[in-house]
Amino acid sequence: MKLLYFDCGMGAAGDMLTAALLDLLPDPEEAVGRLNAIGVPGVRFRTERAVQHGIAGRRCIVEVNGEEEAHVHAHHTHHDHHHRTPAQIDALIDGLALPPEVRAQVRQVYARLAQAESAVHGVPVTEIHFHEVGTLDAVADIAAVCLLLHELAPDAVVASPVRVGFGTVRCAHGTLPVPAPATAALLQGIPVYAGDIEGELCTPTGAALLQQFVTRFERQPEMTPSAVGYGMGKKEFSAPNCVRAWLGETAETPAEDVTTLACNLDDMTPEAIAYAAQRLLDAGALDVWTVPIGMKKSRPGTQLCLLCRPEEAARFAAQFFRYTTTLGVRVQTQRRYTLVRREETAETPFGPMRRKVAEGFGVTRSKLEYEDVARAAAAEDCALFEIRRAAEDAKE
């Protein structure tokens, strides 16, 4: 399995993540040409080698109308450069020369930023006015990271806990604590720590990109590296200011922590339990299931169970209390191994169908998507297994 690991011991920013990904590639300058072809208005990427505290890496410089981003921010007013609405950002993204799936990811990153700004400032998302994250260089950083990750195509992206720094930072809203409020909102669910370096180490853009792509935050798992990249930041600190990216292979999917929540119910109707289970799934649970049980006073009951990431346990416990009559929720954290899963499209006599494929630990399994098979079975007025068998026979 191809694994990408980000060491965020000095935080994360859009330009640092871009530079680290470029530094992984055999020909970074050729990749810079592809970034410039994205077509962010007035924007040009370039890179340079940089050394900090004896560590050599790469800096990614974004020039807007011929000026480097730091100077652009100093010279332009909020009105003409820093101030964009979500609708303006959306229109800008529409014009980028990106594959549709990458453009969708760029849009999702900005949706995260908009939600964070909305929560911090207490205004609807549609009325948010982006400042630092609405500048053209921020758009460029996000588009660059999304495109480079699309091209590298790792099976999993993992990162270390994120050092955020401490102190204060000046931005469009004045002097704010580190991490800035929008950054803090975006870092919810991610393990963070201040460390001993004063300054802003993690930016809103960096936090939004980590939320978008990283599936686990933990110490570096066992892997066989094929490349290591260093993405250097602009500021000088008492330690090398960089994001280090490792690209390599893992023999199998590493074990991960998952949490099971459960409660026993004997005073809810089946309809009410089914509704609660669906709401838990809609809220992002990894899985939800029920088990018939016998309870005190010889009452038949139902155990409602949920699987989630450990950092989401408290949020789902609140959902249990909201949608069920339980007075308590039991929590258990376990380790699990999983096969690497992906979805592909299969051509069948009944038209294209989605196929789920799972691989790892020496096995490969695949299965046609139920909804697609059921739709074909209804159209052909035959049994489900007949469509599945015919589709599989056609593949062979």
Foldseek 3Di string as FASTA:
>chain_A
DKEKEKEQALAFDLQQLLQFLLQQDPDSVVLQVVLQQQCLPQKHWDKDWDDAPRDIAMTIFIAGVRHTPVVVLVPDDQVPFFWDALVRLLVSLVPTPDPPVLSVLLNQLVVLLLVLQCVVVVHDSRPDIGGPCRGSVNSSSSSSSSRSCVVVVGLAYEYAQHAFAWDWDQDPVGIATTPRSSLVSLCQLGHYHHPDWHDGRYHNSGSSVCSSGHDYYHPDDDFDFPGKHWRADDDHTPDGNTMIMTIGGDQFFDKAKKKKKKDKDQPDDPVLLVVLLVVLVVVPFPHKDKDWDADPPRGIIIMIMTMHHPSCVVVVQVSCVVRGVTPDMDMDMDIDGFFRKDWDWAQFPQGIWIKIWTDGPPDIDIDTDQVVLVVSCVVVVHDSVVSRVRRVVVVD
